[in-house]
Amino acid sequence: MSENGYGTNAVRSARDAEYDVISRVTRQLRQSDRAGRSPEAIAAIHLNNELWTLLATDLADAGNALPDEVKAGLLSLAGFSLRHGHAVLAGGATTDALIDINISVLKGLRGEAGA
């Protein structure tokens, strides 16, 4: 463990790292146009698709210790997010659902009620 600038030991958990990545991608989605037409929006949607592809790969790994019901639910969200991301890029949807899903996952990672 190393000391950070505040004199305390900083240890990041895997959950913290997941939260940070999902939060960054979600922020990019929120800061770009919801119709997915700008270069920034296209890049954010692409990052979101990469994120959900990596999450799905991890969820499908035999060594993933999450309960099967949780894995199934997250894999379903991954499939929807990927399909919806492609629909936004094709001009048939907005990024609102992607943002909502990511925010729900963030709340779940933080243990917030109603996630």
N, C-alpha and C. Protein backbone atom coordinates (compact mmCIF):
# COMPACT_ATOMS: atom_id res chain seq x y z
N MET A 1 0.84 -1.18 0.00
CA MET A 1 0.00 0.00 0.00
C MET A 1 0.88 1.24 0.00
N SER A 2 0.44 2.22 -0.72
CA SER A 2 1.19 3.47 -0.74
C SER A 2 0.34 4.59 -0.17
N GLU A 3 1.02 5.62 0.26
CA GLU A 3 0.33 6.77 0.82
C GLU A 3 -0.08 7.70 -0.31
N ASN A 4 -1.31 8.20 -0.24
CA ASN A 4 -1.71 9.20 -1.22
C ASN A 4 -1.38 10.58 -0.66
N GLY A 5 -1.73 11.61 -1.38
CA GLY A 5 -1.39 12.97 -0.99
C GLY A 5 -2.04 13.44 0.29
N TYR A 6 -2.96 12.68 0.86
CA TYR A 6 -3.67 13.09 2.06
C TYR A 6 -3.18 12.36 3.30
N GLY A 7 -2.14 11.56 3.15
CA GLY A 7 -1.57 10.88 4.29
C GLY A 7 -2.33 9.63 4.72
N THR A 8 -3.20 9.11 3.89
CA THR A 8 -3.93 7.89 4.22
C THR A 8 -3.60 6.83 3.19
N ASN A 9 -3.74 5.59 3.61
CA ASN A 9 -3.52 4.50 2.67
C ASN A 9 -4.71 4.37 1.75
N ALA A 10 -4.44 4.32 0.47
CA ALA A 10 -5.51 4.20 -0.51
C ALA A 10 -5.45 2.82 -1.16
N VAL A 11 -6.52 2.07 -1.00
CA VAL A 11 -6.62 0.76 -1.63
C VAL A 11 -7.91 0.77 -2.44
N ARG A 12 -7.78 0.47 -3.71
CA ARG A 12 -8.96 0.45 -4.58
C ARG A 12 -9.40 -0.99 -4.77
N SER A 13 -10.68 -1.20 -4.62
CA SER A 13 -11.24 -2.52 -4.85
C SER A 13 -11.61 -2.65 -6.32
N ALA A 14 -11.87 -3.88 -6.74
CA ALA A 14 -12.33 -4.12 -8.11
C ALA A 14 -13.66 -3.39 -8.34
N ARG A 15 -14.50 -3.36 -7.32
CA ARG A 15 -15.78 -2.67 -7.41
C ARG A 15 -15.57 -1.17 -7.65
N ASP A 16 -14.58 -0.58 -6.95
CA ASP A 16 -14.26 0.84 -7.14
C ASP A 16 -13.80 1.10 -8.58
N ALA A 17 -12.97 0.21 -9.09
CA ALA A 17 -12.47 0.36 -10.46
C ALA A 17 -13.62 0.25 -11.46
N GLU A 18 -14.52 -0.72 -11.26
CA GLU A 18 -15.68 -0.86 -12.14
C GLU A 18 -16.55 0.41 -12.09
N TYR A 19 -16.77 0.90 -10.88
CA TYR A 19 -17.57 2.11 -10.72
C TYR A 19 -16.95 3.27 -11.48
N ASP A 20 -15.64 3.45 -11.35
CA ASP A 20 -14.96 4.55 -12.02
C ASP A 20 -15.09 4.47 -13.54
N VAL A 21 -14.91 3.28 -14.09
CA VAL A 21 -14.99 3.10 -15.54
C VAL A 21 -16.41 3.37 -16.03
N ILE A 22 -17.39 2.79 -15.38
CA ILE A 22 -18.79 2.99 -15.79
C ILE A 22 -19.17 4.45 -15.63
N SER A 23 -18.71 5.08 -14.57
CA SER A 23 -19.00 6.49 -14.33
C SER A 23 -18.41 7.37 -15.44
N ARG A 24 -17.18 7.09 -15.84
CA ARG A 24 -16.54 7.89 -16.91
C ARG A 24 -17.29 7.74 -18.23
N VAL A 25 -17.65 6.50 -18.57
CA VAL A 25 -18.38 6.27 -19.83
C VAL A 25 -19.74 6.96 -19.78
N THR A 26 -20.41 6.86 -18.65
CA THR A 26 -21.73 7.48 -18.49
C THR A 26 -21.63 9.00 -18.59
N ARG A 27 -20.61 9.56 -17.98
CA ARG A 27 -20.40 11.02 -18.08
C ARG A 27 -20.20 11.44 -19.54
N GLN A 28 -19.45 10.65 -20.30
CA GLN A 28 -19.25 10.97 -21.72
C GLN A 28 -20.57 10.90 -22.48
N LEU A 29 -21.39 9.89 -22.17
CA LEU A 29 -22.70 9.79 -22.83
C LEU A 29 -23.56 11.01 -22.48
N ARG A 30 -23.54 11.41 -21.21
CA ARG A 30 -24.38 12.53 -20.77
C ARG A 30 -23.91 13.86 -21.36
N GLN A 31 -22.62 13.99 -21.62
CA GLN A 31 -22.08 15.25 -22.11
C GLN A 31 -22.14 15.37 -23.63
N SER A 32 -22.56 14.32 -24.30
CA SER A 32 -22.66 14.37 -25.76
C SER A 32 -24.13 14.45 -26.16
N ASP A 33 -24.35 14.71 -27.44
CA ASP A 33 -25.75 14.83 -27.88
C ASP A 33 -26.45 13.48 -27.80
N ARG A 34 -27.67 13.51 -27.33
CA ARG A 34 -28.42 12.28 -27.06
C ARG A 34 -28.81 11.52 -28.33
N ALA A 35 -28.83 12.21 -29.46
CA ALA A 35 -29.20 11.55 -30.71
C ALA A 35 -28.04 10.75 -31.29
N GLY A 36 -26.84 10.95 -30.75
CA GLY A 36 -25.70 10.16 -31.20
C GLY A 36 -25.12 10.58 -32.53
N ARG A 37 -25.24 11.83 -32.87
CA ARG A 37 -24.76 12.30 -34.17
C ARG A 37 -23.38 12.94 -34.14
N SER A 38 -22.98 13.50 -33.02
CA SER A 38 -21.68 14.19 -32.95
C SER A 38 -20.55 13.17 -32.82
N PRO A 39 -19.35 13.57 -33.21
CA PRO A 39 -18.21 12.67 -33.03
C PRO A 39 -18.03 12.26 -31.56
N GLU A 40 -18.30 13.18 -30.63
CA GLU A 40 -18.19 12.86 -29.21
C GLU A 40 -19.21 11.81 -28.80
N ALA A 41 -20.43 11.92 -29.32
CA ALA A 41 -21.47 10.95 -28.99
C ALA A 41 -21.13 9.58 -29.57
N ILE A 42 -20.65 9.56 -30.79
CA ILE A 42 -20.28 8.29 -31.43
C ILE A 42 -19.16 7.62 -30.64
N ALA A 43 -18.18 8.41 -30.20
CA ALA A 43 -17.08 7.86 -29.40
C ALA A 43 -17.61 7.33 -28.07
N ALA A 44 -18.52 8.06 -27.43
CA ALA A 44 -19.08 7.63 -26.14
C ALA A 44 -19.89 6.34 -26.30
N ILE A 45 -20.67 6.24 -27.36
CA ILE A 45 -21.45 5.02 -27.61
C ILE A 45 -20.51 3.84 -27.86
N HIS A 46 -19.47 4.09 -28.62
CA HIS A 46 -18.48 3.04 -28.89
C HIS A 46 -17.84 2.57 -27.57
N LEU A 47 -17.46 3.51 -26.71
CA LEU A 47 -16.89 3.14 -25.41
C LEU A 47 -17.89 2.35 -24.57
N ASN A 48 -19.15 2.76 -24.60
CA ASN A 48 -20.19 2.04 -23.86
C ASN A 48 -20.34 0.62 -24.39
N ASN A 49 -20.29 0.47 -25.71
CA ASN A 49 -20.37 -0.87 -26.30
C ASN A 49 -19.16 -1.72 -25.89
N GLU A 50 -17.98 -1.12 -25.87
CA GLU A 50 -16.79 -1.85 -25.43
C GLU A 50 -16.91 -2.25 -23.96
N LEU A 51 -17.40 -1.33 -23.14
CA LEU A 51 -17.59 -1.60 -21.72
C LEU A 51 -18.50 -2.80 -21.52
N TRP A 52 -19.67 -2.78 -22.16
CA TRP A 52 -20.64 -3.87 -21.97
C TRP A 52 -20.15 -5.18 -22.58
N THR A 53 -19.34 -5.11 -23.63
CA THR A 53 -18.75 -6.33 -24.18
C THR A 53 -17.77 -6.95 -23.18
N LEU A 54 -16.94 -6.10 -22.56
CA LEU A 54 -16.00 -6.60 -21.55
C LEU A 54 -16.73 -7.13 -20.33
N LEU A 55 -17.78 -6.43 -19.89
CA LEU A 55 -18.55 -6.92 -18.75
C LEU A 55 -19.18 -8.27 -19.06
N ALA A 56 -19.75 -8.41 -20.26
CA ALA A 56 -20.38 -9.68 -20.64
C ALA A 56 -19.36 -10.81 -20.68
N THR A 57 -18.18 -10.51 -21.19
CA THR A 57 -17.11 -11.52 -21.24
C THR A 57 -16.74 -11.97 -19.85
N ASP A 58 -16.62 -11.02 -18.93
CA ASP A 58 -16.29 -11.35 -17.54
C ASP A 58 -17.42 -12.15 -16.88
N LEU A 59 -18.64 -11.73 -17.14
CA LEU A 59 -19.80 -12.42 -16.56
C LEU A 59 -19.91 -13.86 -17.04
N ALA A 60 -19.55 -14.11 -18.28
CA ALA A 60 -19.65 -15.44 -18.86
C ALA A 60 -18.50 -16.36 -18.45
N ASP A 61 -17.46 -15.80 -17.85
CA ASP A 61 -16.31 -16.59 -17.42
C ASP A 61 -16.72 -17.54 -16.30
N ALA A 62 -16.26 -18.78 -16.39
CA ALA A 62 -16.62 -19.79 -15.40
C ALA A 62 -16.14 -19.42 -13.99
N GLY A 63 -15.12 -18.59 -13.89
CA GLY A 63 -14.60 -18.20 -12.59
C GLY A 63 -15.32 -17.03 -11.95
N ASN A 64 -16.31 -16.48 -12.64
CA ASN A 64 -17.05 -15.34 -12.08
C ASN A 64 -17.89 -15.84 -10.92
N ALA A 65 -17.70 -15.21 -9.75
CA ALA A 65 -18.33 -15.69 -8.52
C ALA A 65 -19.69 -15.07 -8.23
N LEU A 66 -20.18 -14.21 -9.08
CA LEU A 66 -21.51 -13.64 -8.84
C LEU A 66 -22.58 -14.73 -8.90
N PRO A 67 -23.65 -14.55 -8.16
CA PRO A 67 -24.75 -15.52 -8.23
C PRO A 67 -25.30 -15.59 -9.66
N ASP A 68 -25.75 -16.76 -10.06
CA ASP A 68 -26.23 -16.97 -11.43
C ASP A 68 -27.34 -15.99 -11.80
N GLU A 69 -28.23 -15.70 -10.88
CA GLU A 69 -29.34 -14.78 -11.17
C GLU A 69 -28.82 -13.37 -11.48
N VAL A 70 -27.82 -12.94 -10.75
CA VAL A 70 -27.22 -11.62 -10.98
C VAL A 70 -26.51 -11.61 -12.33
N LYS A 71 -25.75 -12.67 -12.59
CA LYS A 71 -25.05 -12.75 -13.88
C LYS A 71 -26.04 -12.73 -15.04
N ALA A 72 -27.12 -13.47 -14.92
CA ALA A 72 -28.12 -13.52 -16.00
C ALA A 72 -28.73 -12.14 -16.23
N GLY A 73 -29.06 -11.44 -15.15
CA GLY A 73 -29.62 -10.10 -15.28
C GLY A 73 -28.66 -9.13 -15.94
N LEU A 74 -27.39 -9.18 -15.53
CA LEU A 74 -26.39 -8.28 -16.11
C LEU A 74 -26.10 -8.65 -17.57
N LEU A 75 -26.10 -9.94 -17.88
CA LEU A 75 -25.90 -10.35 -19.28
C LEU A 75 -27.06 -9.87 -20.15
N SER A 76 -28.26 -9.89 -19.61
CA SER A 76 -29.41 -9.37 -20.34
C SER A 76 -29.25 -7.88 -20.59
N LEU A 77 -28.81 -7.14 -19.57
CA LEU A 77 -28.55 -5.70 -19.74
C LEU A 77 -27.45 -5.45 -20.77
N ALA A 78 -26.44 -6.30 -20.76
CA ALA A 78 -25.35 -6.16 -21.73
C ALA A 78 -25.89 -6.30 -23.15
N GLY A 79 -26.69 -7.34 -23.37
CA GLY A 79 -27.27 -7.55 -24.71
C GLY A 79 -28.12 -6.37 -25.14
N PHE A 80 -28.97 -5.89 -24.24
CA PHE A 80 -29.82 -4.75 -24.55
C PHE A 80 -28.98 -3.51 -24.84
N SER A 81 -27.98 -3.26 -24.00
CA SER A 81 -27.14 -2.06 -24.17
C SER A 81 -26.42 -2.08 -25.51
N LEU A 82 -25.93 -3.23 -25.89
CA LEU A 82 -25.24 -3.33 -27.18
C LEU A 82 -26.21 -3.11 -28.34
N ARG A 83 -27.37 -3.75 -28.28
CA ARG A 83 -28.36 -3.56 -29.36
C ARG A 83 -28.82 -2.10 -29.41
N HIS A 84 -29.06 -1.52 -28.24
CA HIS A 84 -29.54 -0.14 -28.20
C HIS A 84 -28.46 0.83 -28.69
N GLY A 85 -27.22 0.57 -28.33
CA GLY A 85 -26.12 1.41 -28.82
C GLY A 85 -26.07 1.41 -30.34
N HIS A 86 -26.25 0.25 -30.93
CA HIS A 86 -26.26 0.17 -32.40
C HIS A 86 -27.48 0.90 -32.97
N ALA A 87 -28.61 0.82 -32.28
CA ALA A 87 -29.80 1.53 -32.74
C ALA A 87 -29.59 3.05 -32.69
N VAL A 88 -28.90 3.53 -31.67
CA VAL A 88 -28.61 4.97 -31.60
C VAL A 88 -27.72 5.36 -32.78
N LEU A 89 -26.70 4.58 -33.04
CA LEU A 89 -25.79 4.89 -34.14
C LEU A 89 -26.51 4.84 -35.49
N ALA A 90 -27.54 4.01 -35.59
CA ALA A 90 -28.31 3.91 -36.84
C ALA A 90 -29.37 5.01 -36.95
N GLY A 91 -29.50 5.83 -35.92
CA GLY A 91 -30.45 6.94 -35.96
C GLY A 91 -31.84 6.61 -35.48
N GLY A 92 -32.01 5.45 -34.85
CA GLY A 92 -33.34 5.03 -34.44
C GLY A 92 -33.62 5.13 -32.96
N ALA A 93 -32.72 5.75 -32.19
CA ALA A 93 -32.91 5.83 -30.74
C ALA A 93 -32.02 6.94 -30.18
N THR A 94 -32.18 7.20 -28.89
CA THR A 94 -31.31 8.15 -28.20
C THR A 94 -30.49 7.40 -27.16
N THR A 95 -29.55 8.08 -26.56
CA THR A 95 -28.69 7.46 -25.56
C THR A 95 -29.34 7.41 -24.18
N ASP A 96 -30.55 7.92 -24.03
CA ASP A 96 -31.19 7.99 -22.71
C ASP A 96 -31.23 6.63 -22.00
N ALA A 97 -31.61 5.57 -22.69
CA ALA A 97 -31.70 4.24 -22.07
C ALA A 97 -30.32 3.75 -21.63
N LEU A 98 -29.31 4.04 -22.43
CA LEU A 98 -27.95 3.64 -22.07
C LEU A 98 -27.51 4.32 -20.78
N ILE A 99 -27.80 5.61 -20.69
CA ILE A 99 -27.46 6.39 -19.50
C ILE A 99 -28.21 5.84 -18.29
N ASP A 100 -29.50 5.57 -18.45
CA ASP A 100 -30.31 5.05 -17.35
C ASP A 100 -29.79 3.70 -16.84
N ILE A 101 -29.43 2.82 -17.75
CA ILE A 101 -28.91 1.51 -17.37
C ILE A 101 -27.60 1.67 -16.61
N ASN A 102 -26.71 2.48 -17.13
CA ASN A 102 -25.42 2.66 -16.48
C ASN A 102 -25.59 3.26 -15.08
N ILE A 103 -26.50 4.23 -14.95
CA ILE A 103 -26.74 4.83 -13.64
C ILE A 103 -27.30 3.79 -12.67
N SER A 104 -28.18 2.94 -13.14
CA SER A 104 -28.71 1.87 -12.27
C SER A 104 -27.60 0.93 -11.81
N VAL A 105 -26.69 0.59 -12.71
CA VAL A 105 -25.59 -0.28 -12.34
C VAL A 105 -24.68 0.43 -11.33
N LEU A 106 -24.43 1.72 -11.55
CA LEU A 106 -23.62 2.49 -10.59
C LEU A 106 -24.26 2.48 -9.21
N LYS A 107 -25.56 2.66 -9.16
CA LYS A 107 -26.27 2.63 -7.87
C LYS A 107 -26.13 1.25 -7.23
N GLY A 108 -26.23 0.21 -8.03
CA GLY A 108 -26.07 -1.14 -7.50
C GLY A 108 -24.68 -1.38 -6.95
N LEU A 109 -23.68 -0.86 -7.64
CA LEU A 109 -22.30 -1.02 -7.15
C LEU A 109 -22.09 -0.28 -5.83
N ARG A 110 -22.85 0.77 -5.63
CA ARG A 110 -22.75 1.54 -4.38
C ARG A 110 -23.74 1.06 -3.31
N GLY A 111 -24.54 0.04 -3.66
CA GLY A 111 -25.47 -0.52 -2.70
C GLY A 111 -26.64 0.37 -2.40
N GLU A 112 -26.98 1.25 -3.32
CA GLU A 112 -28.10 2.16 -3.12
C GLU A 112 -29.42 1.43 -3.35
N ALA A 113 -30.40 1.73 -2.56
CA ALA A 113 -31.73 1.11 -2.67
C ALA A 113 -32.36 1.47 -3.99
N GLY A 114 -33.15 0.57 -4.52
CA GLY A 114 -33.87 0.81 -5.75
C GLY A 114 -33.04 0.61 -6.98
N ALA A 115 -31.82 0.08 -6.84
CA ALA A 115 -30.95 -0.12 -8.00
C ALA A 115 -31.40 -1.31 -8.81
